[in-house]
Amino acid sequence: MKQDWYIVFLAGFFEVGWVVGLKHAFNWWTWGLTAIAIYVSMHLLIIASRRLPVGTTYAVFTGMGTAGTVILDIALFGEPFQLIKVLLIILLLCGVVGLKTITEVTEGERT
């Protein structure tokens, strides 16, 4: 089950890639990389959701994507730093970590 969470985190990484790609792609190969990131992200999410609870998996996935995208915008693309954004991201991540922590999958529950 631990490996499935690694797959979710990897899917979240690719989600950040395609969200940034949608905003900043400018030619055929950057659009191609964006399309590949969309496919990989969704494919990994589907794989992980086969053995993990879908609601928690999706919450972790989208939380990581949201936090990663905002942080990347601030760090690389000149988005203004606002303390409230950082505090809200921390709150979001606390919720995601809390969901992951309390979610238990019993053997044989998911196939």
PDB file of N, CA and C in Angstrom:
ATOM      1  N   MET A   1       0.822  -1.185   0.000  1.00  0.00           N
ATOM      2  CA  MET A   1       0.000   0.000   0.000  1.00  0.00           C
ATOM      3  C   MET A   1       0.874   1.259   0.000  1.00  0.00           C
ATOM      4  N   LYS A   2       2.015   1.217   0.638  1.00  0.00           N
ATOM      5  CA  LYS A   2       2.911   2.370   0.665  1.00  0.00           C
ATOM      6  C   LYS A   2       3.335   2.749  -0.750  1.00  0.00           C
ATOM      7  N   GLN A   3       3.571   1.748  -1.583  1.00  0.00           N
ATOM      8  CA  GLN A   3       3.969   2.007  -2.966  1.00  0.00           C
ATOM      9  C   GLN A   3       2.858   2.740  -3.716  1.00  0.00           C
ATOM     10  N   ASP A   4       1.608   2.437  -3.397  1.00  0.00           N
ATOM     11  CA  ASP A   4       0.486   3.119  -4.050  1.00  0.00           C
ATOM     12  C   ASP A   4       0.487   4.613  -3.733  1.00  0.00           C
ATOM     13  N   TRP A   5       0.861   4.982  -2.510  1.00  0.00           N
ATOM     14  CA  TRP A   5       0.931   6.398  -2.161  1.00  0.00           C
ATOM     15  C   TRP A   5       2.064   7.082  -2.903  1.00  0.00           C
ATOM     16  N   TYR A   6       3.157   6.372  -3.132  1.00  0.00           N
ATOM     17  CA  TYR A   6       4.236   6.947  -3.940  1.00  0.00           C
ATOM     18  C   TYR A   6       3.744   7.228  -5.355  1.00  0.00           C
ATOM     19  N   ILE A   7       2.900   6.355  -5.867  1.00  0.00           N
ATOM     20  CA  ILE A   7       2.329   6.559  -7.203  1.00  0.00           C
ATOM     21  C   ILE A   7       1.445   7.808  -7.209  1.00  0.00           C
ATOM     22  N   VAL A   8       0.666   8.014  -6.139  1.00  0.00           N
ATOM     23  CA  VAL A   8      -0.173   9.215  -6.040  1.00  0.00           C
ATOM     24  C   VAL A   8       0.706  10.469  -6.029  1.00  0.00           C
ATOM     25  N   PHE A   9       1.793  10.438  -5.255  1.00  0.00           N
ATOM     26  CA  PHE A   9       2.684  11.602  -5.201  1.00  0.00           C
ATOM     27  C   PHE A   9       3.330  11.868  -6.558  1.00  0.00           C
ATOM     28  N   LEU A  10       3.703  10.816  -7.264  1.00  0.00           N
ATOM     29  CA  LEU A  10       4.267  10.989  -8.601  1.00  0.00           C
ATOM     30  C   LEU A  10       3.212  11.561  -9.552  1.00  0.00           C
ATOM     31  N   ALA A  11       1.974  11.091  -9.429  1.00  0.00           N
ATOM     32  CA  ALA A  11       0.887  11.637 -10.245  1.00  0.00           C
ATOM     33  C   ALA A  11       0.690  13.119  -9.950  1.00  0.00           C
ATOM     34  N   GLY A  12       0.796  13.507  -8.680  1.00  0.00           N
ATOM     35  CA  GLY A  12       0.680  14.916  -8.306  1.00  0.00           C
ATOM     36  C   GLY A  12       1.789  15.756  -8.899  1.00  0.00           C
ATOM     37  N   PHE A  13       2.991  15.198  -8.968  1.00  0.00           N
ATOM     38  CA  PHE A  13       4.116  15.886  -9.590  1.00  0.00           C
ATOM     39  C   PHE A  13       3.811  16.171 -11.063  1.00  0.00           C
ATOM     40  N   PHE A  14       3.296  15.165 -11.775  1.00  0.00           N
ATOM     41  CA  PHE A  14       2.956  15.356 -13.184  1.00  0.00           C
ATOM     42  C   PHE A  14       1.765  16.299 -13.342  1.00  0.00           C
ATOM     43  N   GLU A  15       0.875  16.325 -12.345  1.00  0.00           N
ATOM     44  CA  GLU A  15      -0.245  17.260 -12.408  1.00  0.00           C
ATOM     45  C   GLU A  15       0.264  18.705 -12.400  1.00  0.00           C
ATOM     46  N   VAL A  16       1.219  18.981 -11.527  1.00  0.00           N
ATOM     47  CA  VAL A  16       1.806  20.319 -11.497  1.00  0.00           C
ATOM     48  C   VAL A  16       2.406  20.646 -12.860  1.00  0.00           C
ATOM     49  N   GLY A  17       3.065  19.664 -13.463  1.00  0.00           N
ATOM     50  CA  GLY A  17       3.674  19.866 -14.775  1.00  0.00           C
ATOM     51  C   GLY A  17       2.668  20.227 -15.847  1.00  0.00           C
ATOM     52  N   TRP A  18       1.537  19.524 -15.874  1.00  0.00           N
ATOM     53  CA  TRP A  18       0.594  19.846 -16.945  1.00  0.00           C
ATOM     54  C   TRP A  18      -0.177  21.129 -16.678  1.00  0.00           C
ATOM     55  N   VAL A  19      -0.420  21.446 -15.398  1.00  0.00           N
ATOM     56  CA  VAL A  19      -1.106  22.714 -15.110  1.00  0.00           C
ATOM     57  C   VAL A  19      -0.226  23.893 -15.525  1.00  0.00           C
ATOM     58  N   VAL A  20       1.046  23.818 -15.181  1.00  0.00           N
ATOM     59  CA  VAL A  20       1.983  24.872 -15.597  1.00  0.00           C
ATOM     60  C   VAL A  20       2.110  24.881 -17.117  1.00  0.00           C
ATOM     61  N   GLY A  21       2.124  23.697 -17.720  1.00  0.00           N
ATOM     62  CA  GLY A  21       2.205  23.602 -19.174  1.00  0.00           C
ATOM     63  C   GLY A  21       1.028  24.249 -19.877  1.00  0.00           C
ATOM     64  N   LEU A  22      -0.173  24.100 -19.316  1.00  0.00           N
ATOM     65  CA  LEU A  22      -1.341  24.725 -19.936  1.00  0.00           C
ATOM     66  C   LEU A  22      -1.206  26.243 -19.979  1.00  0.00           C
ATOM     67  N   LYS A  23      -0.561  26.806 -18.983  1.00  0.00           N
ATOM     68  CA  LYS A  23      -0.412  28.262 -18.930  1.00  0.00           C
ATOM     69  C   LYS A  23       0.767  28.755 -19.768  1.00  0.00           C
ATOM     70  N   HIS A  24       1.853  27.971 -19.805  1.00  0.00           N
ATOM     71  CA  HIS A  24       3.094  28.489 -20.376  1.00  0.00           C
ATOM     72  C   HIS A  24       3.536  27.816 -21.679  1.00  0.00           C
ATOM     73  N   ALA A  25       2.802  26.849 -22.189  1.00  0.00           N
ATOM     74  CA  ALA A  25       3.194  26.204 -23.445  1.00  0.00           C
ATOM     75  C   ALA A  25       3.088  27.216 -24.586  1.00  0.00           C
ATOM     76  N   PHE A  26       4.059  27.155 -25.496  1.00  0.00           N
ATOM     77  CA  PHE A  26       4.087  28.167 -26.556  1.00  0.00           C
ATOM     78  C   PHE A  26       4.366  27.595 -27.940  1.00  0.00           C
ATOM     79  N   ASN A  27       4.739  26.339 -28.050  1.00  0.00           N
ATOM     80  CA  ASN A  27       4.951  25.738 -29.373  1.00  0.00           C
ATOM     81  C   ASN A  27       4.547  24.269 -29.330  1.00  0.00           C
ATOM     82  N   TRP A  28       4.721  23.558 -30.419  1.00  0.00           N
ATOM     83  CA  TRP A  28       4.200  22.195 -30.511  1.00  0.00           C
ATOM     84  C   TRP A  28       4.846  21.244 -29.514  1.00  0.00           C
ATOM     85  N   TRP A  29       6.138  21.393 -29.238  1.00  0.00           N
ATOM     86  CA  TRP A  29       6.764  20.421 -28.329  1.00  0.00           C
ATOM     87  C   TRP A  29       6.425  20.708 -26.868  1.00  0.00           C
ATOM     88  N   THR A  30       6.217  21.981 -26.478  1.00  0.00           N
ATOM     89  CA  THR A  30       5.788  22.244 -25.107  1.00  0.00           C
ATOM     90  C   THR A  30       4.337  21.803 -24.902  1.00  0.00           C
ATOM     91  N   TRP A  31       3.518  21.939 -25.962  1.00  0.00           N
ATOM     92  CA  TRP A  31       2.159  21.402 -25.880  1.00  0.00           C
ATOM     93  C   TRP A  31       2.185  19.879 -25.841  1.00  0.00           C
ATOM     94  N   GLY A  32       3.118  19.284 -26.558  1.00  0.00           N
ATOM     95  CA  GLY A  32       3.271  17.830 -26.520  1.00  0.00           C
ATOM     96  C   GLY A  32       3.669  17.345 -25.137  1.00  0.00           C
ATOM     97  N   LEU A  33       4.615  18.040 -24.499  1.00  0.00           N
ATOM     98  CA  LEU A  33       5.007  17.676 -23.130  1.00  0.00           C
ATOM     99  C   LEU A  33       3.833  17.836 -22.161  1.00  0.00           C
ATOM    100  N   THR A  34       3.042  18.861 -22.370  1.00  0.00           N
ATOM    101  CA  THR A  34       1.860  19.067 -21.534  1.00  0.00           C
ATOM    102  C   THR A  34       0.878  17.907 -21.696  1.00  0.00           C
ATOM    103  N   ALA A  35       0.651  17.489 -22.922  1.00  0.00           N
ATOM    104  CA  ALA A  35      -0.258  16.361 -23.177  1.00  0.00           C
ATOM    105  C   ALA A  35       0.272  15.077 -22.543  1.00  0.00           C
ATOM    106  N   ILE A  36       1.566  14.853 -22.639  1.00  0.00           N
ATOM    107  CA  ILE A  36       2.172  13.663 -22.019  1.00  0.00           C
ATOM    108  C   ILE A  36       2.003  13.727 -20.502  1.00  0.00           C
ATOM    109  N   ALA A  37       2.218  14.901 -19.917  1.00  0.00           N
ATOM    110  CA  ALA A  37       2.062  15.050 -18.466  1.00  0.00           C
ATOM    111  C   ALA A  37       0.620  14.791 -18.032  1.00  0.00           C
ATOM    112  N   ILE A  38      -0.349  15.243 -18.832  1.00  0.00           N
ATOM    113  CA  ILE A  38      -1.760  14.972 -18.531  1.00  0.00           C
ATOM    114  C   ILE A  38      -2.005  13.472 -18.531  1.00  0.00           C
ATOM    115  N   TYR A  39      -1.541  12.797 -19.558  1.00  0.00           N
ATOM    116  CA  TYR A  39      -1.749  11.354 -19.664  1.00  0.00           C
ATOM    117  C   TYR A  39      -1.093  10.614 -18.497  1.00  0.00           C
ATOM    118  N   VAL A  40       0.172  10.912 -18.230  1.00  0.00           N
ATOM    119  CA  VAL A  40       0.899  10.212 -17.171  1.00  0.00           C
ATOM    120  C   VAL A  40       0.237  10.469 -15.821  1.00  0.00           C
ATOM    121  N   SER A  41      -0.131  11.704 -15.569  1.00  0.00           N
ATOM    122  CA  SER A  41      -0.769  12.065 -14.310  1.00  0.00           C
ATOM    123  C   SER A  41      -2.059  11.277 -14.089  1.00  0.00           C
ATOM    124  N   MET A  42      -2.924  11.276 -15.070  1.00  0.00           N
ATOM    125  CA  MET A  42      -4.204  10.571 -14.934  1.00  0.00           C
ATOM    126  C   MET A  42      -4.016   9.053 -14.881  1.00  0.00           C
ATOM    127  N   HIS A  43      -3.097   8.549 -15.659  1.00  0.00           N
ATOM    128  CA  HIS A  43      -2.834   7.106 -15.667  1.00  0.00           C
ATOM    129  C   HIS A  43      -2.333   6.645 -14.295  1.00  0.00           C
ATOM    130  N   LEU A  44      -1.401   7.384 -13.723  1.00  0.00           N
ATOM    131  CA  LEU A  44      -0.894   7.027 -12.401  1.00  0.00           C
ATOM    132  C   LEU A  44      -1.980   7.144 -11.339  1.00  0.00           C
ATOM    133  N   LEU A  45      -2.830   8.143 -11.450  1.00  0.00           N
ATOM    134  CA  LEU A  45      -3.931   8.291 -10.505  1.00  0.00           C
ATOM    135  C   LEU A  45      -4.883   7.096 -10.576  1.00  0.00           C
ATOM    136  N   ILE A  46      -5.173   6.642 -11.777  1.00  0.00           N
ATOM    137  CA  ILE A  46      -6.042   5.475 -11.947  1.00  0.00           C
ATOM    138  C   ILE A  46      -5.403   4.228 -11.352  1.00  0.00           C
ATOM    139  N   ILE A  47      -4.113   4.041 -11.584  1.00  0.00           N
ATOM    140  CA  ILE A  47      -3.408   2.883 -11.032  1.00  0.00           C
ATOM    141  C   ILE A  47      -3.474   2.896  -9.503  1.00  0.00           C
ATOM    142  N   ALA A  48      -3.185   4.045  -8.911  1.00  0.00           N
ATOM    143  CA  ALA A  48      -3.196   4.141  -7.448  1.00  0.00           C
ATOM    144  C   ALA A  48      -4.598   3.961  -6.884  1.00  0.00           C
ATOM    145  N   SER A  49      -5.605   4.434  -7.597  1.00  0.00           N
ATOM    146  CA  SER A  49      -6.983   4.351  -7.108  1.00  0.00           C
ATOM    147  C   SER A  49      -7.546   2.939  -7.131  1.00  0.00           C
ATOM    148  N   ARG A  50      -6.877   2.041  -7.786  1.00  0.00           N
ATOM    149  CA  ARG A  50      -7.343   0.647  -7.800  1.00  0.00           C
ATOM    150  C   ARG A  50      -7.250   0.006  -6.419  1.00  0.00           C
ATOM    151  N   ARG A  51      -6.266   0.438  -5.617  1.00  0.00           N
ATOM    152  CA  ARG A  51      -6.074  -0.190  -4.308  1.00  0.00           C
ATOM    153  C   ARG A  51      -6.248   0.770  -3.142  1.00  0.00           C
ATOM    154  N   LEU A  52      -6.397   2.033  -3.411  1.00  0.00           N
ATOM    155  CA  LEU A  52      -6.593   3.030  -2.358  1.00  0.00           C
ATOM    156  C   LEU A  52      -7.999   3.618  -2.479  1.00  0.00           C
ATOM    157  N   PRO A  53      -8.531   4.154  -1.391  1.00  0.00           N
ATOM    158  CA  PRO A  53      -9.850   4.796  -1.464  1.00  0.00           C
ATOM    159  C   PRO A  53      -9.817   5.979  -2.440  1.00  0.00           C
ATOM    160  N   VAL A  54     -10.751   6.001  -3.345  1.00  0.00           N
ATOM    161  CA  VAL A  54     -10.745   6.985  -4.420  1.00  0.00           C
ATOM    162  C   VAL A  54     -10.855   8.411  -3.884  1.00  0.00           C
ATOM    163  N   GLY A  55     -11.735   8.645  -2.924  1.00  0.00           N
ATOM    164  CA  GLY A  55     -11.916   9.994  -2.401  1.00  0.00           C
ATOM    165  C   GLY A  55     -10.652  10.554  -1.781  1.00  0.00           C
ATOM    166  N   THR A  56     -10.000   9.754  -0.961  1.00  0.00           N
ATOM    167  CA  THR A  56      -8.758  10.195  -0.326  1.00  0.00           C
ATOM    168  C   THR A  56      -7.653  10.356  -1.355  1.00  0.00           C
ATOM    169  N   THR A  57      -7.568   9.421  -2.274  1.00  0.00           N
ATOM    170  CA  THR A  57      -6.545   9.491  -3.320  1.00  0.00           C
ATOM    171  C   THR A  57      -6.692  10.774  -4.127  1.00  0.00           C
ATOM    172  N   TYR A  58      -7.913  11.089  -4.515  1.00  0.00           N
ATOM    173  CA  TYR A  58      -8.138  12.282  -5.320  1.00  0.00           C
ATOM    174  C   TYR A  58      -7.867  13.551  -4.512  1.00  0.00           C
ATOM    175  N   ALA A  59      -8.234  13.555  -3.236  1.00  0.00           N
ATOM    176  CA  ALA A  59      -7.969  14.725  -2.387  1.00  0.00           C
ATOM    177  C   ALA A  59      -6.473  14.969  -2.254  1.00  0.00           C
ATOM    178  N   VAL A  60      -5.710  13.918  -2.045  1.00  0.00           N
ATOM    179  CA  VAL A  60      -4.256  14.054  -1.938  1.00  0.00           C
ATOM    180  C   VAL A  60      -3.683  14.550  -3.267  1.00  0.00           C
ATOM    181  N   PHE A  61      -4.129  13.964  -4.359  1.00  0.00           N
ATOM    182  CA  PHE A  61      -3.677  14.318  -5.697  1.00  0.00           C
ATOM    183  C   PHE A  61      -3.936  15.798  -6.002  1.00  0.00           C
ATOM    184  N   THR A  62      -5.152  16.253  -5.779  1.00  0.00           N
ATOM    185  CA  THR A  62      -5.479  17.644  -6.102  1.00  0.00           C
ATOM    186  C   THR A  62      -4.832  18.613  -5.122  1.00  0.00           C
ATOM    187  N   GLY A  63      -4.716  18.212  -3.867  1.00  0.00           N
ATOM    188  CA  GLY A  63      -4.042  19.072  -2.888  1.00  0.00           C
ATOM    189  C   GLY A  63      -2.586  19.280  -3.245  1.00  0.00           C
ATOM    190  N   MET A  64      -1.920  18.209  -3.627  1.00  0.00           N
ATOM    191  CA  MET A  64      -0.530  18.326  -4.054  1.00  0.00           C
ATOM    192  C   MET A  64      -0.415  19.192  -5.300  1.00  0.00           C
ATOM    193  N   GLY A  65      -1.323  19.002  -6.228  1.00  0.00           N
ATOM    194  CA  GLY A  65      -1.291  19.789  -7.460  1.00  0.00           C
ATOM    195  C   GLY A  65      -1.501  21.267  -7.203  1.00  0.00           C
ATOM    196  N   THR A  66      -2.452  21.576  -6.339  1.00  0.00           N
ATOM    197  CA  THR A  66      -2.726  22.973  -6.010  1.00  0.00           C
ATOM    198  C   THR A  66      -1.532  23.615  -5.312  1.00  0.00           C
ATOM    199  N   ALA A  67      -1.040  22.957  -4.282  1.00  0.00           N
ATOM    200  CA  ALA A  67       0.097  23.505  -3.533  1.00  0.00           C
ATOM    201  C   ALA A  67       1.326  23.639  -4.429  1.00  0.00           C
ATOM    202  N   GLY A  68       1.607  22.609  -5.198  1.00  0.00           N
ATOM    203  CA  GLY A  68       2.778  22.639  -6.074  1.00  0.00           C
ATOM    204  C   GLY A  68       2.695  23.728  -7.126  1.00  0.00           C
ATOM    205  N   THR A  69       1.516  23.927  -7.681  1.00  0.00           N
ATOM    206  CA  THR A  69       1.340  24.943  -8.713  1.00  0.00           C
ATOM    207  C   THR A  69       1.520  26.344  -8.134  1.00  0.00           C
ATOM    208  N   VAL A  70       0.950  26.607  -6.980  1.00  0.00           N
ATOM    209  CA  VAL A  70       1.085  27.929  -6.360  1.00  0.00           C
ATOM    210  C   VAL A  70       2.546  28.193  -5.991  1.00  0.00           C
ATOM    211  N   ILE A  71       3.198  27.200  -5.401  1.00  0.00           N
ATOM    212  CA  ILE A  71       4.606  27.367  -5.015  1.00  0.00           C
ATOM    213  C   ILE A  71       5.481  27.595  -6.248  1.00  0.00           C
ATOM    214  N   LEU A  72       5.241  26.839  -7.306  1.00  0.00           N
ATOM    215  CA  LEU A  72       6.016  27.008  -8.535  1.00  0.00           C
ATOM    216  C   LEU A  72       5.772  28.374  -9.162  1.00  0.00           C
ATOM    217  N   ASP A  73       4.525  28.836  -9.135  1.00  0.00           N
ATOM    218  CA  ASP A  73       4.226  30.170  -9.662  1.00  0.00           C
ATOM    219  C   ASP A  73       4.989  31.249  -8.901  1.00  0.00           C
ATOM    220  N   ILE A  74       5.061  31.113  -7.587  1.00  0.00           N
ATOM    221  CA  ILE A  74       5.777  32.101  -6.778  1.00  0.00           C
ATOM    222  C   ILE A  74       7.278  32.002  -7.032  1.00  0.00           C
ATOM    223  N   ALA A  75       7.808  30.771  -7.046  1.00  0.00           N
ATOM    224  CA  ALA A  75       9.255  30.573  -7.141  1.00  0.00           C
ATOM    225  C   ALA A  75       9.813  30.856  -8.536  1.00  0.00           C
ATOM    226  N   LEU A  76       9.088  30.480  -9.582  1.00  0.00           N
ATOM    227  CA  LEU A  76       9.650  30.561 -10.923  1.00  0.00           C
ATOM    228  C   LEU A  76       9.022  31.610 -11.839  1.00  0.00           C
ATOM    229  N   PHE A  77       7.764  31.938 -11.611  1.00  0.00           N
ATOM    230  CA  PHE A  77       7.066  32.761 -12.590  1.00  0.00           C
ATOM    231  C   PHE A  77       6.666  34.140 -12.079  1.00  0.00           C
ATOM    232  N   GLY A  78       7.234  34.563 -10.957  1.00  0.00           N
ATOM    233  CA  GLY A  78       7.041  35.928 -10.502  1.00  0.00           C
ATOM    234  C   GLY A  78       5.703  36.246  -9.887  1.00  0.00           C
ATOM    235  N   GLU A  79       4.935  35.239  -9.527  1.00  0.00           N
ATOM    236  CA  GLU A  79       3.674  35.494  -8.821  1.00  0.00           C
ATOM    237  C   GLU A  79       4.008  36.152  -7.480  1.00  0.00           C
ATOM    238  N   PRO A  80       3.291  37.215  -7.110  1.00  0.00           N
ATOM    239  CA  PRO A  80       3.638  37.889  -5.859  1.00  0.00           C
ATOM    240  C   PRO A  80       3.437  36.979  -4.643  1.00  0.00           C
ATOM    241  N   PHE A  81       4.384  37.038  -3.722  1.00  0.00           N
ATOM    242  CA  PHE A  81       4.303  36.266  -2.492  1.00  0.00           C
ATOM    243  C   PHE A  81       3.289  36.929  -1.568  1.00  0.00           C
ATOM    244  N   GLN A  82       2.355  36.111  -1.084  1.00  0.00           N
ATOM    245  CA  GLN A  82       1.377  36.598  -0.107  1.00  0.00           C
ATOM    246  C   GLN A  82       1.343  35.601   1.039  1.00  0.00           C
ATOM    247  N   LEU A  83       1.506  36.099   2.237  1.00  0.00           N
ATOM    248  CA  LEU A  83       1.526  35.236   3.408  1.00  0.00           C
ATOM    249  C   LEU A  83       0.244  34.423   3.515  1.00  0.00           C
ATOM    250  N   ILE A  84      -0.877  35.017   3.187  1.00  0.00           N
ATOM    251  CA  ILE A  84      -2.149  34.298   3.286  1.00  0.00           C
ATOM    252  C   ILE A  84      -2.168  33.087   2.354  1.00  0.00           C
ATOM    253  N   LYS A  85      -1.575  33.204   1.167  1.00  0.00           N
ATOM    254  CA  LYS A  85      -1.501  32.056   0.255  1.00  0.00           C
ATOM    255  C   LYS A  85      -0.709  30.921   0.883  1.00  0.00           C
ATOM    256  N   VAL A  86       0.426  31.259   1.476  1.00  0.00           N
ATOM    257  CA  VAL A  86       1.274  30.239   2.099  1.00  0.00           C
ATOM    258  C   VAL A  86       0.546  29.592   3.271  1.00  0.00           C
ATOM    259  N   LEU A  87      -0.132  30.388   4.074  1.00  0.00           N
ATOM    260  CA  LEU A  87      -0.879  29.835   5.205  1.00  0.00           C
ATOM    261  C   LEU A  87      -2.009  28.921   4.736  1.00  0.00           C
ATOM    262  N   LEU A  88      -2.685  29.301   3.674  1.00  0.00           N
ATOM    263  CA  LEU A  88      -3.757  28.455   3.136  1.00  0.00           C
ATOM    264  C   LEU A  88      -3.208  27.166   2.533  1.00  0.00           C
ATOM    265  N   ILE A  89      -2.044  27.235   1.904  1.00  0.00           N
ATOM    266  CA  ILE A  89      -1.412  26.020   1.380  1.00  0.00           C
ATOM    267  C   ILE A  89      -1.040  25.095   2.536  1.00  0.00           C
ATOM    268  N   ILE A  90      -0.514  25.656   3.617  1.00  0.00           N
ATOM    269  CA  ILE A  90      -0.173  24.836   4.782  1.00  0.00           C
ATOM    270  C   ILE A  90      -1.429  24.182   5.352  1.00  0.00           C
ATOM    271  N   LEU A  91      -2.515  24.935   5.427  1.00  0.00           N
ATOM    272  CA  LEU A  91      -3.786  24.379   5.900  1.00  0.00           C
ATOM    273  C   LEU A  91      -4.259  23.256   4.978  1.00  0.00           C
ATOM    274  N   LEU A  92      -4.163  23.484   3.682  1.00  0.00           N
ATOM    275  CA  LEU A  92      -4.540  22.467   2.703  1.00  0.00           C
ATOM    276  C   LEU A  92      -3.699  21.202   2.875  1.00  0.00           C
ATOM    277  N   LEU A  93      -2.389  21.379   3.000  1.00  0.00           N
ATOM    278  CA  LEU A  93      -1.502  20.224   3.162  1.00  0.00           C
ATOM    279  C   LEU A  93      -1.757  19.489   4.464  1.00  0.00           C
ATOM    280  N   CYS A  94      -2.105  20.218   5.529  1.00  0.00           N
ATOM    281  CA  CYS A  94      -2.455  19.557   6.791  1.00  0.00           C
ATOM    282  C   CYS A  94      -3.690  18.680   6.611  1.00  0.00           C
ATOM    283  N   GLY A  95      -4.659  19.182   5.879  1.00  0.00           N
ATOM    284  CA  GLY A  95      -5.854  18.387   5.599  1.00  0.00           C
ATOM    285  C   GLY A  95      -5.548  17.157   4.776  1.00  0.00           C
ATOM    286  N   VAL A  96      -4.708  17.308   3.769  1.00  0.00           N
ATOM    287  CA  VAL A  96      -4.336  16.180   2.908  1.00  0.00           C
ATOM    288  C   VAL A  96      -3.566  15.129   3.706  1.00  0.00           C
ATOM    289  N   VAL A  97      -2.605  15.573   4.507  1.00  0.00           N
ATOM    290  CA  VAL A  97      -1.832  14.640   5.333  1.00  0.00           C
ATOM    291  C   VAL A  97      -2.756  13.959   6.350  1.00  0.00           C
ATOM    292  N   GLY A  98      -3.677  14.729   6.925  1.00  0.00           N
ATOM    293  CA  GLY A  98      -4.633  14.147   7.864  1.00  0.00           C
ATOM    294  C   GLY A  98      -5.496  13.083   7.218  1.00  0.00           C
ATOM    295  N   LEU A  99      -5.992  13.347   6.014  1.00  0.00           N
ATOM    296  CA  LEU A  99      -6.792  12.342   5.302  1.00  0.00           C
ATOM    297  C   LEU A  99      -5.987  11.077   5.035  1.00  0.00           C
ATOM    298  N   LYS A 100      -4.754  11.265   4.586  1.00  0.00           N
ATOM    299  CA  LYS A 100      -3.907  10.115   4.295  1.00  0.00           C
ATOM    300  C   LYS A 100      -3.623   9.320   5.566  1.00  0.00           C
ATOM    301  N   THR A 101      -3.400  10.016   6.666  1.00  0.00           N
ATOM    302  CA  THR A 101      -3.047   9.369   7.924  1.00  0.00           C
ATOM    303  C   THR A 101      -4.199   8.538   8.486  1.00  0.00           C
ATOM    304  N   ILE A 102      -5.413   9.044   8.402  1.00  0.00           N
ATOM    305  CA  ILE A 102      -6.528   8.324   9.018  1.00  0.00           C
ATOM    306  C   ILE A 102      -7.170   7.295   8.107  1.00  0.00           C
ATOM    307  N   THR A 103      -6.801   7.277   6.840  1.00  0.00           N
ATOM    308  CA  THR A 103      -7.403   6.347   5.899  1.00  0.00           C
ATOM    309  C   THR A 103      -6.706   4.993   6.002  1.00  0.00           C
ATOM    310  N   GLU A 104      -7.502   3.984   6.276  1.00  0.00           N
ATOM    311  CA  GLU A 104      -6.978   2.634   6.356  1.00  0.00           C
ATOM    312  C   GLU A 104      -7.665   1.787   5.292  1.00  0.00           C
ATOM    313  N   VAL A 105      -6.892   0.981   4.632  1.00  0.00           N
ATOM    314  CA  VAL A 105      -7.437   0.034   3.668  1.00  0.00           C
ATOM    315  C   VAL A 105      -7.148  -1.358   4.203  1.00  0.00           C
ATOM    316  N   THR A 106      -8.207  -2.108   4.449  1.00  0.00           N
ATOM    317  CA  THR A 106      -7.994  -3.475   4.921  1.00  0.00           C
ATOM    318  C   THR A 106      -7.696  -4.376   3.750  1.00  0.00           C
ATOM    319  N   GLU A 107      -6.964  -5.445   4.020  1.00  0.00           N
ATOM    320  CA  GLU A 107      -6.598  -6.397   2.969  1.00  0.00           C
ATOM    321  C   GLU A 107      -7.845  -6.958   2.333  1.00  0.00           C
ATOM    322  N   GLY A 108      -7.915  -6.889   1.022  1.00  0.00           N
ATOM    323  CA  GLY A 108      -9.053  -7.441   0.298  1.00  0.00           C
ATOM    324  C   GLY A 108     -10.200  -6.458   0.122  1.00  0.00           C
ATOM    325  N   GLU A 109     -10.091  -5.258   0.705  1.00  0.00           N
ATOM    326  CA  GLU A 109     -11.139  -4.267   0.566  1.00  0.00           C
ATOM    327  C   GLU A 109     -11.231  -3.754  -0.856  1.00  0.00           C
ATOM    328  N   ARG A 110     -10.077  -3.517  -1.481  1.00  0.00           N
ATOM    329  CA  ARG A 110     -10.028  -3.040  -2.858  1.00  0.00           C
ATOM    330  C   ARG A 110      -9.310  -4.094  -3.692  1.00  0.00           C
ATOM    331  N   THR A 111      -9.758  -4.284  -4.897  1.00  0.00           N
ATOM    332  CA  THR A 111      -9.081  -5.248  -5.773  1.00  0.00           C
ATOM    333  C   THR A 111      -8.415  -4.569  -6.909  1.00  0.00           C
TER     334      THR A 111
END
